[in-house]
């Protein structure tokens, strides 16, 4: 028995020594070799864990070498990458890279795409006009982080014709009506119309579109609002929302013009994005500024300014379409824009002339009793030319309070072609009127009577319509309030005849 106990103790000692030795047979060491070695006995795993360990699959034996047939993998074509760190030489490519608005694909888009593609000469005229303005517009869009599809919007609005003038009195590349132009600080006076100015109207249009996007959070709705009106789109959205219908552009009820508006833009985008399948030749546009501003301006004739810049009058007006008269007044518009390669030429030639030789036109304030015929005869002009250069309708006999006339009869005889390429529309002037509020009247009913918008009425009269007090409004000089309906005579109604 004593020998058995001794053998058992020896066996336990050997087992303990084996537990303290790591695999490989080398003893475990620590940073301090002289430190006493502590032995920690691990408790035995519970029965459930032991059973799980026993049931666990054992590692598979390593596979031998593959002996079956091997497939041949064809190398893929390299993916074309766009290097956005280097500006593309072609401005059209820069436009394509900035497309952000989701594509619209419906029957109207396809119809408009076919329409434009079938008219390559018309498209070419638009593209040729756009070369002067597109770089400036793209620069402004990119600086604001806006989609470059908007650079194509003047193609829809005006065919890139800065002289475009609609029946609704919308003017310029971006087709501002007088009221919206005034709202976005586009100067409109007898000498100058900022709605046609390339720089000012672009700034105003992008300000307006950004405002509309911030309102709706959707570029298609913003564009629809630009065409139809922000309040009209807001009402259409509210109507759909109340009926549980989707409120995106595609599901709104809107006028036919607005329904076709964005498809036109999408069709042009489709063609410009990939012109070859449509048989359209899109000539490259240099990705560099076409024009720059010149601000050291003095009063000068339009015709002379063009000559000093070595340009034709038509070319000069195409870049400076805001001028409504043959005389540029520096006090009204102290800036012109010139092709980038013409600025030095213009400046050098301008310095050679004195003040008196820069103008051959002068303002004239008609006196009481003056007629257009008498004024024209006095200044050596025909009545037709006097009207044309002053934007007076050929049928009108009214004498404006301000006109321009030649500075001398010699100048009048040597006018040749008028220094304007258009007959500018007669400026729309406004007058302030007041209306005393009667019982039952509201700002909305008063606005309807005087043909002004309710929104403007609220802006002019923030206190609302208070009975007995006067409200103010601005109306066109020629506008007249709607007549009040006549009371129907009492008695028997008249019989319908026929």
Protein backbone atom coordinates (compact mmCIF):
# COMPACT_ATOMS: atom_id res chain seq x y z
CA UNK A 1 0.00 0.00 0.00
CA UNK A 2 2.85 2.32 0.81
CA UNK A 3 4.40 1.61 -2.60
CA UNK A 4 1.07 2.35 -4.29
CA UNK A 5 0.79 5.78 -2.63
CA UNK A 6 4.38 6.57 -3.58
CA UNK A 7 3.74 5.64 -7.25
CA UNK A 8 0.53 7.70 -7.34
CA UNK A 9 2.33 10.81 -5.98
CA UNK A 10 5.09 10.39 -8.57
CA UNK A 11 2.48 10.14 -11.38
CA UNK A 12 0.72 13.34 -10.21
CA UNK A 13 4.02 15.22 -10.17
CA UNK A 14 4.73 14.18 -13.75
CA UNK A 15 1.26 15.28 -14.85
CA UNK A 16 1.68 18.72 -13.23
CA UNK A 17 5.05 19.19 -14.93
CA UNK A 18 3.48 18.29 -18.30
CA UNK A 19 0.74 20.91 -17.86
CA UNK A 20 3.35 23.61 -17.26
CA UNK A 21 5.17 22.81 -20.53
CA UNK A 22 3.82 24.39 -23.75
CA UNK A 23 3.56 22.48 -27.02
CA UNK A 24 6.92 21.93 -28.61
CA UNK A 25 8.52 20.77 -25.42
CA UNK A 26 10.09 24.13 -24.53
CA UNK A 27 9.28 25.63 -21.14
CA UNK A 28 7.28 28.89 -21.10
CA UNK A 29 9.32 31.95 -20.20
CA UNK A 30 8.47 35.46 -19.00
CA UNK A 31 10.26 38.75 -19.25
CA UNK A 32 11.84 37.93 -15.93
CA UNK A 33 13.46 34.47 -16.14
CA UNK A 34 14.05 34.41 -12.39
CA UNK A 35 10.39 34.91 -11.48
CA UNK A 36 8.73 31.90 -9.91
CA UNK A 37 6.42 30.08 -12.29
CA UNK A 38 2.77 30.07 -11.26
CA UNK A 39 0.70 27.08 -12.23
CA UNK A 40 -3.06 27.69 -12.83
CA UNK A 41 -5.25 24.70 -13.12
CA UNK A 42 -8.15 25.22 -15.59
CA UNK A 43 -11.49 23.88 -14.45
CA UNK A 44 -12.94 21.06 -16.46
CA UNK A 45 -15.56 22.15 -18.99
CA UNK A 46 -19.20 21.50 -18.11
CA UNK A 47 -20.79 18.34 -19.58
CA UNK A 48 -22.75 20.33 -22.25
CA UNK A 49 -19.62 22.10 -23.49
CA UNK A 50 -17.70 18.84 -23.55
CA UNK A 51 -20.43 17.25 -25.65
CA UNK A 52 -20.37 20.18 -28.09
CA UNK A 53 -16.62 19.89 -28.46
CA UNK A 54 -16.93 16.22 -29.20
CA UNK A 55 -19.62 16.83 -31.82
CA UNK A 56 -17.65 19.61 -33.58
CA UNK A 57 -16.42 18.58 -37.07
CA UNK A 58 -12.79 17.82 -37.36
CA UNK A 59 -10.58 19.80 -39.75
CA UNK A 60 -10.74 18.46 -43.29
CA UNK A 61 -7.66 16.97 -44.79
CA UNK A 62 -5.84 19.26 -47.25
CA UNK A 63 -6.97 18.92 -50.90
CA UNK A 64 -4.66 17.53 -53.50
CA UNK A 65 -3.72 19.34 -56.71
CA UNK A 66 -6.60 20.24 -59.14
CA UNK A 67 -6.63 17.77 -62.03
CA UNK A 68 -9.75 18.89 -64.03
CA UNK A 69 -9.91 21.17 -67.14
CA UNK A 70 -9.15 24.85 -66.57
CA UNK A 71 -11.31 27.67 -68.08
CA UNK A 72 -9.60 30.47 -69.94
CA UNK A 73 -10.63 33.94 -68.60
CA UNK A 74 -10.76 36.64 -71.27
CA UNK A 75 -9.32 39.96 -70.07
CA UNK A 76 -11.92 42.78 -69.84
CA UNK A 77 -11.60 46.02 -71.72
CA UNK A 78 -10.19 48.77 -69.51
CA UNK A 79 -12.84 51.07 -67.99
CA UNK A 80 -12.61 54.64 -69.27
CA UNK A 81 -12.06 56.94 -66.33
CA UNK A 82 -12.93 60.63 -66.24
CA UNK A 83 -10.12 62.82 -64.96
CA UNK A 84 -11.94 65.60 -63.13
CA UNK A 85 -8.72 67.17 -61.93
CA UNK A 86 -8.05 68.48 -65.44
CA UNK A 87 -10.55 70.72 -67.19
CA UNK A 88 -11.78 69.22 -70.47
CA UNK A 89 -10.82 71.24 -73.56
CA UNK A 90 -14.38 71.07 -74.91
CA UNK A 91 -17.02 73.04 -72.99
CA UNK A 92 -19.72 70.58 -74.03
CA UNK A 93 -17.88 67.81 -72.15
CA UNK A 94 -17.76 70.04 -69.08
CA UNK A 95 -21.52 70.52 -69.39
CA UNK A 96 -22.09 66.75 -69.61
CA UNK A 97 -19.99 66.10 -66.51
CA UNK A 98 -22.22 68.42 -64.48
CA UNK A 99 -25.57 66.80 -65.29
CA UNK A 100 -27.40 66.11 -62.00
CA UNK A 101 -31.15 66.27 -62.63
CA UNK A 102 -32.83 62.83 -62.82
CA UNK A 103 -33.73 61.88 -66.38
CA UNK A 104 -37.33 62.06 -67.50
CA UNK A 105 -38.46 59.38 -69.96
CA UNK A 106 -41.96 59.49 -71.38
CA UNK A 107 -43.78 59.83 -74.69
CA UNK A 108 -43.49 63.63 -74.70
CA UNK A 109 -39.71 63.46 -74.20
CA UNK A 110 -39.39 61.05 -77.10
CA UNK A 111 -41.60 63.27 -79.25
CA UNK A 112 -39.49 66.36 -78.49
CA UNK A 113 -36.25 64.48 -79.07
CA UNK A 114 -37.46 63.45 -82.53
CA UNK A 115 -38.62 67.01 -83.18
CA UNK A 116 -35.23 68.58 -82.43
CA UNK A 117 -33.22 65.83 -84.13
CA UNK A 118 -35.22 66.38 -87.32
CA UNK A 119 -34.18 70.07 -87.34
CA UNK A 120 -30.37 70.08 -87.35
CA UNK A 121 -30.16 73.55 -88.95
CA UNK A 122 -32.30 75.04 -86.19
CA UNK A 123 -30.17 73.34 -83.53
CA UNK A 124 -27.01 74.59 -85.23
CA UNK A 125 -28.25 78.19 -85.00
CA UNK A 126 -28.90 77.73 -81.30
CA UNK A 127 -25.49 76.14 -80.72
CA UNK A 128 -23.76 78.92 -82.65
CA UNK A 129 -25.46 81.61 -80.53
CA UNK A 130 -24.69 79.75 -77.31
CA UNK A 131 -20.93 79.92 -77.90
CA UNK A 132 -20.81 83.50 -76.65
CA UNK A 133 -22.72 82.89 -73.42
CA UNK A 134 -22.33 79.26 -72.40
CA UNK A 135 -18.96 79.49 -70.63
CA UNK A 136 -20.17 82.29 -68.36
CA UNK A 137 -23.35 80.38 -67.47
CA UNK A 138 -21.48 77.13 -66.73
CA UNK A 139 -18.98 79.00 -64.55
CA UNK A 140 -21.81 80.50 -62.51
CA UNK A 141 -23.59 77.16 -62.17
CA UNK A 142 -20.49 75.32 -60.99
CA UNK A 143 -19.63 78.04 -58.48
CA UNK A 144 -23.07 77.49 -56.93
CA UNK A 145 -23.04 73.68 -57.20
CA UNK A 146 -26.10 73.72 -59.46
CA UNK A 147 -26.85 71.20 -62.25
CA UNK A 148 -25.40 72.12 -65.63
CA UNK A 149 -28.64 71.08 -67.36
CA UNK A 150 -29.72 74.62 -66.44
CA UNK A 151 -27.14 75.95 -68.92
CA UNK A 152 -29.37 74.47 -71.63
CA UNK A 153 -32.51 76.24 -70.38
CA UNK A 154 -32.04 79.34 -72.60
CA UNK A 155 -32.35 76.97 -75.57
CA UNK A 156 -35.93 76.30 -74.45
CA UNK A 157 -36.69 79.83 -73.27
CA UNK A 158 -35.24 81.98 -76.04
CA UNK A 159 -33.20 79.77 -78.41
CA UNK A 160 -30.22 81.71 -76.96
CA UNK A 161 -31.47 84.91 -78.57
CA UNK A 162 -30.97 87.78 -76.08
CA UNK A 163 -33.46 89.90 -78.07
CA UNK A 164 -36.29 87.39 -77.70
CA UNK A 165 -39.48 89.16 -76.63
CA UNK A 166 -42.72 87.30 -75.94
CA UNK A 167 -46.36 88.30 -76.05
CA UNK A 168 -46.32 88.12 -72.24
CA UNK A 169 -43.61 90.86 -72.30
CA UNK A 170 -40.89 88.38 -71.27
CA UNK A 171 -37.47 89.44 -72.49
CA UNK A 172 -33.90 88.20 -72.81
CA UNK A 173 -32.12 84.84 -72.71
CA UNK A 174 -33.96 83.81 -69.55
CA UNK A 175 -37.32 85.41 -70.49
CA UNK A 176 -38.01 87.53 -67.44
CA UNK A 177 -41.34 89.32 -67.33
CA UNK A 178 -41.13 92.90 -65.96
CA UNK A 179 -42.45 92.05 -62.50
CA UNK A 180 -40.12 89.11 -61.87
CA UNK A 181 -37.21 91.09 -63.28
CA UNK A 182 -37.95 93.89 -60.86
CA UNK A 183 -38.23 91.38 -58.01
CA UNK A 184 -34.71 90.14 -58.75
CA UNK A 185 -33.27 93.66 -59.12
CA UNK A 186 -32.97 93.73 -62.89
CA UNK A 187 -32.85 97.40 -63.82
CA UNK A 188 -35.51 98.45 -66.35
CA UNK A 189 -35.58 102.01 -67.57
CA UNK A 190 -35.75 104.06 -70.72
CA UNK A 191 -32.03 103.61 -71.44
CA UNK A 192 -31.42 100.05 -70.38
CA UNK A 193 -33.19 96.73 -69.71
CA UNK A 194 -31.31 94.40 -67.38
CA UNK A 195 -33.54 91.49 -68.40
CA UNK A 196 -31.57 91.38 -71.65
CA UNK A 197 -28.16 91.93 -70.03
CA UNK A 198 -26.20 88.68 -70.25
CA UNK A 199 -24.43 88.96 -66.89
CA UNK A 200 -27.24 90.47 -64.81
CA UNK A 201 -30.01 88.25 -66.19
CA UNK A 202 -27.96 85.09 -65.64
CA UNK A 203 -27.33 86.04 -62.02
CA UNK A 204 -31.04 86.74 -61.51
CA UNK A 205 -32.15 83.51 -63.22
CA UNK A 206 -29.86 81.34 -61.12
CA UNK A 207 -30.90 83.17 -57.94
CA UNK A 208 -34.53 82.49 -58.83
CA UNK A 209 -33.98 78.83 -59.72
CA UNK A 210 -32.03 78.22 -56.51
CA UNK A 211 -34.86 79.84 -54.54
CA UNK A 212 -37.37 77.56 -56.26
CA UNK A 213 -35.24 74.48 -55.57
CA UNK A 214 -34.94 75.41 -51.90
CA UNK A 215 -38.73 75.74 -51.83
CA UNK A 216 -39.50 72.33 -53.36
CA UNK A 217 -36.30 70.30 -52.88
CA UNK A 218 -36.70 68.99 -56.45
CA UNK A 219 -35.20 70.39 -59.65
CA UNK A 220 -38.07 69.27 -61.87
CA UNK A 221 -40.55 71.11 -59.65
CA UNK A 222 -38.21 74.10 -59.57
CA UNK A 223 -38.13 74.20 -63.38
CA UNK A 224 -41.92 73.83 -63.58
CA UNK A 225 -42.24 76.74 -61.16
CA UNK A 226 -39.90 78.84 -63.30
CA UNK A 227 -42.24 78.33 -66.24
CA UNK A 228 -45.66 78.24 -64.54
CA UNK A 229 -45.11 80.21 -61.34
CA UNK A 230 -44.09 79.09 -57.88
CA UNK A 231 -47.53 79.62 -56.35
CA UNK A 232 -49.29 77.72 -59.14
CA UNK A 233 -47.00 74.71 -58.60
CA UNK A 234 -47.44 74.95 -54.83
CA UNK A 235 -51.24 74.87 -55.26
CA UNK A 236 -50.99 71.86 -57.59
CA UNK A 237 -48.83 70.04 -55.03
CA UNK A 238 -51.25 70.85 -52.21
CA UNK A 239 -54.17 69.60 -54.30
CA UNK A 240 -52.46 66.26 -55.01
CA UNK A 241 -51.45 65.92 -51.39
CA UNK A 242 -55.04 66.46 -50.20
CA UNK A 243 -56.20 63.73 -52.60
CA UNK A 244 -53.50 61.29 -51.53
CA UNK A 245 -51.77 61.44 -54.92
CA UNK A 246 -48.01 61.66 -55.61
CA UNK A 247 -46.70 65.22 -55.62
CA UNK A 248 -43.81 64.87 -58.05
CA UNK A 249 -43.70 66.71 -61.39
CA UNK A 250 -44.98 63.77 -63.43
CA UNK A 251 -48.23 63.51 -61.43
CA UNK A 252 -49.22 67.19 -61.23
CA UNK A 253 -52.02 68.67 -63.29
CA UNK A 254 -50.55 71.62 -65.17
CA UNK A 255 -50.95 73.69 -68.34
CA UNK A 256 -49.87 72.17 -71.63
CA UNK A 257 -46.94 74.58 -71.96
CA UNK A 258 -45.50 73.51 -68.61
CA UNK A 259 -46.23 69.84 -69.34
CA UNK A 260 -44.00 70.14 -72.43
CA UNK A 261 -41.42 72.45 -70.83
CA UNK A 262 -39.19 69.95 -69.03
CA UNK A 263 -39.47 67.32 -71.82
CA UNK A 264 -38.02 69.93 -74.19
CA UNK A 265 -35.06 70.40 -71.85
CA UNK A 266 -34.67 66.63 -71.46
CA UNK A 267 -34.74 66.16 -75.25
CA UNK A 268 -31.94 68.70 -75.71
CA UNK A 269 -30.01 67.04 -72.90
CA UNK A 270 -30.38 63.65 -74.63
CA UNK A 271 -29.03 65.03 -77.91
CA UNK A 272 -26.14 66.98 -76.38
CA UNK A 273 -25.18 64.06 -74.15
CA UNK A 274 -24.79 61.75 -77.17
CA UNK A 275 -25.32 63.58 -80.49
CA UNK A 276 -23.99 60.94 -82.89
CA UNK A 277 -26.99 58.55 -82.87
CA UNK A 278 -29.20 61.51 -83.79
CA UNK A 279 -26.98 62.57 -86.68
CA UNK A 280 -26.22 65.89 -84.98
CA UNK A 281 -22.76 67.44 -85.27
CA UNK A 282 -21.83 69.22 -82.06
CA UNK A 283 -18.78 71.36 -82.79
CA UNK A 284 -16.43 71.78 -79.81
CA UNK A 285 -16.57 75.04 -77.85
CA UNK A 286 -13.29 76.15 -76.24
CA UNK A 287 -13.48 75.79 -72.48
CA UNK A 288 -12.36 79.35 -71.79
CA UNK A 289 -14.00 82.74 -71.22
CA UNK A 290 -15.53 84.27 -74.32
CA UNK A 291 -16.08 87.73 -72.85
CA UNK A 292 -14.93 89.88 -69.96
CA UNK A 293 -16.36 93.00 -68.34
CA UNK A 294 -14.99 96.48 -69.03
CA UNK A 295 -15.91 98.95 -66.28
CA UNK A 296 -13.90 102.12 -67.05
CA UNK A 297 -16.70 103.41 -69.23
CA UNK A 298 -17.70 106.91 -70.34
CA UNK A 299 -20.76 108.06 -72.26
CA UNK A 300 -20.31 106.70 -75.75
CA UNK A 301 -22.27 105.83 -78.89
CA UNK A 302 -23.04 102.16 -79.37
CA UNK A 303 -21.77 102.41 -82.93
CA UNK A 304 -18.48 103.97 -81.85
CA UNK A 305 -17.97 101.47 -79.02
CA UNK A 306 -18.26 98.65 -81.52
CA UNK A 307 -15.80 100.36 -83.86
CA UNK A 308 -13.22 100.90 -81.08
CA UNK A 309 -13.41 97.19 -80.25
CA UNK A 310 -12.98 96.26 -83.93
CA UNK A 311 -16.45 94.67 -83.96
CA UNK A 312 -19.60 95.07 -86.00
CA UNK A 313 -22.58 96.72 -84.33
CA UNK A 314 -24.45 93.43 -84.44
CA UNK A 315 -21.60 91.62 -82.67
CA UNK A 316 -21.37 94.33 -80.03
CA UNK A 317 -25.13 94.31 -79.36
CA UNK A 318 -25.13 90.49 -79.13
CA UNK A 319 -22.87 90.85 -76.07
CA UNK A 320 -24.52 94.04 -74.80
CA UNK A 321 -28.20 93.58 -75.61
CA UNK A 322 -29.41 95.51 -72.57
CA UNK A 323 -28.94 98.89 -74.23
CA UNK A 324 -32.20 100.27 -75.59
CA UNK A 325 -30.77 103.41 -77.17
CA UNK A 326 -27.88 104.25 -79.51
CA UNK A 327 -26.21 106.16 -76.66
CA UNK A 328 -24.66 104.34 -73.68
CA UNK A 329 -24.99 106.37 -70.48
CA UNK A 330 -22.21 105.47 -68.05
CA UNK A 331 -24.28 106.82 -65.15
CA UNK A 332 -26.95 104.21 -65.89
CA UNK A 333 -24.78 101.25 -66.87
CA UNK A 334 -21.07 101.67 -66.09
CA UNK A 335 -20.16 98.33 -67.65
CA UNK A 336 -19.99 96.74 -71.06
CA UNK A 337 -18.76 93.27 -71.98
CA UNK A 338 -16.30 92.63 -74.78
CA UNK A 339 -14.67 89.53 -76.28
CA UNK A 340 -11.65 88.61 -74.18
CA UNK A 341 -9.33 89.24 -77.12
CA UNK A 342 -10.81 92.70 -77.87
CA UNK A 343 -10.48 94.43 -74.51
CA UNK A 344 -6.95 95.77 -75.01
CA UNK A 345 -7.84 97.03 -78.48
CA UNK A 346 -10.92 98.84 -77.15
CA UNK A 347 -9.03 100.40 -74.24
CA UNK A 348 -6.14 101.65 -76.37
CA UNK A 349 -8.48 103.20 -78.95
CA UNK A 350 -10.68 104.78 -76.27
CA UNK A 351 -7.72 106.56 -74.70
CA UNK A 352 -7.01 108.35 -77.97
CA UNK A 353 -10.38 110.15 -78.00
CA UNK A 354 -11.67 113.08 -75.98
CA UNK A 355 -15.10 113.28 -74.33
CA UNK A 356 -16.70 115.39 -77.08
CA UNK A 357 -15.88 112.91 -79.85
CA UNK A 358 -17.45 109.93 -78.06
CA UNK A 359 -21.11 110.89 -78.44
CA UNK A 360 -23.18 111.96 -81.42
CA UNK A 361 -26.56 111.66 -79.69
CA UNK A 362 -28.05 113.77 -76.94
CA UNK A 363 -31.12 113.62 -74.71
CA UNK A 364 -34.00 115.89 -75.66
CA UNK A 365 -36.92 116.81 -73.41
CA UNK A 366 -39.91 117.77 -75.59
CA UNK A 367 -41.68 121.00 -74.73
CA UNK A 368 -45.39 121.56 -74.53
CA UNK A 369 -46.81 121.61 -78.04
CA UNK A 370 -43.94 119.65 -79.60
CA UNK A 371 -44.90 117.00 -82.13
CA UNK A 372 -42.86 114.10 -83.39
CA UNK A 373 -42.94 115.58 -86.88
CA UNK A 374 -41.60 118.92 -85.68
CA UNK A 375 -38.85 117.31 -83.58
CA UNK A 376 -37.75 115.07 -86.47
CA UNK A 377 -37.61 117.97 -88.91
CA UNK A 378 -35.68 120.15 -86.46
CA UNK A 379 -32.97 117.48 -86.09
CA UNK A 380 -32.76 116.38 -89.73
CA UNK A 381 -34.47 113.01 -89.25
CA UNK A 382 -37.48 111.26 -90.64
CA UNK A 383 -40.31 110.60 -88.22
CA UNK A 384 -39.90 106.87 -88.83
CA UNK A 385 -36.25 106.93 -87.75
CA UNK A 386 -36.99 109.12 -84.75
CA UNK A 387 -39.59 106.60 -83.60
CA UNK A 388 -37.36 103.60 -84.27
CA UNK A 389 -34.36 104.87 -82.37
CA UNK A 390 -36.56 105.86 -79.42
CA UNK A 391 -38.62 102.68 -79.29
CA UNK A 392 -41.85 104.43 -80.21
CA UNK A 393 -44.52 102.44 -82.00
CA UNK A 394 -44.86 103.48 -85.63
CA UNK A 395 -48.60 103.93 -85.08
CA UNK A 396 -48.19 106.13 -82.03
CA UNK A 397 -48.44 109.92 -82.16
CA UNK A 398 -47.78 110.42 -78.45
CA UNK A 399 -44.64 112.37 -77.56
CA UNK A 400 -42.57 110.83 -74.71
CA UNK A 401 -41.13 113.01 -71.99
CA UNK A 402 -37.59 112.03 -73.05
CA UNK A 403 -36.09 111.07 -76.41
CA UNK A 404 -32.66 111.03 -78.03
CA UNK A 405 -31.81 113.07 -81.12
CA UNK A 406 -28.63 113.56 -83.19
CA UNK A 407 -26.26 116.16 -81.77
CA UNK A 408 -26.04 117.91 -85.15
CA UNK A 409 -27.60 117.85 -88.62
CA UNK A 410 -24.26 116.59 -89.96
CA UNK A 411 -24.51 113.55 -87.71
CA UNK A 412 -28.10 112.98 -88.80
CA UNK A 413 -27.15 113.03 -92.47
CA UNK A 414 -24.32 110.56 -91.88
CA UNK A 415 -26.22 108.07 -89.69
CA UNK A 416 -26.42 105.33 -92.31
CA UNK A 417 -27.45 102.16 -90.55
CA UNK A 418 -28.91 102.83 -87.13
CA UNK A 419 -26.57 101.73 -84.33
CA UNK A 420 -29.12 99.26 -83.03
CA UNK A 421 -30.06 95.85 -84.40
CA UNK A 422 -33.62 95.83 -83.09
CA UNK A 423 -36.62 97.97 -82.40
CA UNK A 424 -36.77 97.80 -78.60
CA UNK A 425 -40.16 97.36 -77.00
CA UNK A 426 -41.65 100.40 -75.33
CA UNK A 427 -40.69 100.17 -71.65
CA UNK A 428 -43.54 99.27 -69.34
CA UNK A 429 -43.84 101.95 -66.67
CA UNK A 430 -45.66 101.70 -63.36
CA UNK A 431 -47.58 104.17 -61.25
CA UNK A 432 -48.58 104.01 -57.62
CA UNK A 433 -52.26 104.20 -56.84
CA UNK A 434 -54.36 103.96 -53.71
CA UNK A 435 -57.71 102.36 -53.00
CA UNK A 436 -59.94 103.00 -49.99
CA UNK A 437 -61.11 99.70 -48.56
CA UNK A 438 -64.86 99.25 -48.39
CA UNK A 439 -66.88 96.81 -46.35
CA UNK A 440 -66.61 93.27 -47.68
CA UNK A 441 -63.41 93.91 -49.65
CA UNK A 442 -60.23 91.90 -49.15
CA UNK A 443 -56.72 92.20 -50.53
CA UNK A 444 -57.57 89.35 -52.91
CA UNK A 445 -60.69 91.04 -54.29
CA UNK A 446 -58.89 94.37 -54.66
CA UNK A 447 -55.95 92.66 -56.39
CA UNK A 448 -58.35 91.01 -58.83
CA UNK A 449 -60.03 94.30 -59.62
CA UNK A 450 -56.77 96.11 -60.36
CA UNK A 451 -55.20 93.11 -62.13
CA UNK A 452 -52.26 92.67 -59.75
CA UNK A 453 -51.16 89.55 -57.90
CA UNK A 454 -52.37 88.80 -54.40
CA UNK A 455 -48.77 88.14 -53.33
CA UNK A 456 -47.72 91.64 -54.40
CA UNK A 457 -50.72 93.15 -52.63
CA UNK A 458 -49.72 91.42 -49.40
CA UNK A 459 -46.15 92.66 -49.78
CA UNK A 460 -47.28 96.24 -50.41
CA UNK A 461 -49.85 96.16 -47.59
CA UNK A 462 -48.59 93.95 -44.74
CA UNK A 463 -51.35 95.21 -42.41
CA UNK A 464 -54.02 93.81 -44.71
CA UNK A 465 -57.27 95.39 -45.88
CA UNK A 466 -58.78 97.52 -43.12
CA UNK A 467 -62.15 99.08 -43.88
CA UNK A 468 -61.87 102.83 -44.32
CA UNK A 469 -58.10 102.83 -44.82
CA UNK A 470 -56.19 103.08 -48.08
CA UNK A 471 -54.13 100.29 -49.60
CA UNK A 472 -51.33 100.98 -52.08
CA UNK A 473 -50.38 99.15 -55.26
CA UNK A 474 -48.23 99.56 -58.36
CA UNK A 475 -49.96 99.12 -61.70
CA UNK A 476 -48.96 99.65 -65.30
CA UNK A 477 -49.44 103.19 -66.44
CA UNK A 478 -51.96 102.07 -69.04
CA UNK A 479 -53.83 99.70 -66.75
CA UNK A 480 -57.40 100.45 -65.73
CA UNK A 481 -59.41 98.71 -63.01
CA UNK A 482 -62.10 96.33 -64.06
CA UNK A 483 -65.49 98.08 -64.12
CA UNK A 484 -67.86 97.10 -61.39
CA UNK A 485 -70.73 94.95 -62.63
CA UNK A 486 -73.85 96.96 -63.25
CA UNK A 487 -76.81 96.12 -61.04
CA UNK A 488 -79.48 94.20 -62.88
CA UNK A 489 -82.80 96.08 -63.22
CA UNK A 490 -85.61 94.69 -61.17
CA UNK A 491 -88.65 93.24 -62.91
CA UNK A 492 -89.33 90.53 -65.36
CA UNK A 493 -86.24 89.02 -67.06
CA UNK A 494 -85.87 89.64 -70.77
CA UNK A 495 -86.81 86.80 -73.08
CA UNK A 496 -84.01 85.07 -74.88
CA UNK A 497 -84.21 85.67 -78.61
CA UNK A 498 -83.06 82.93 -80.99
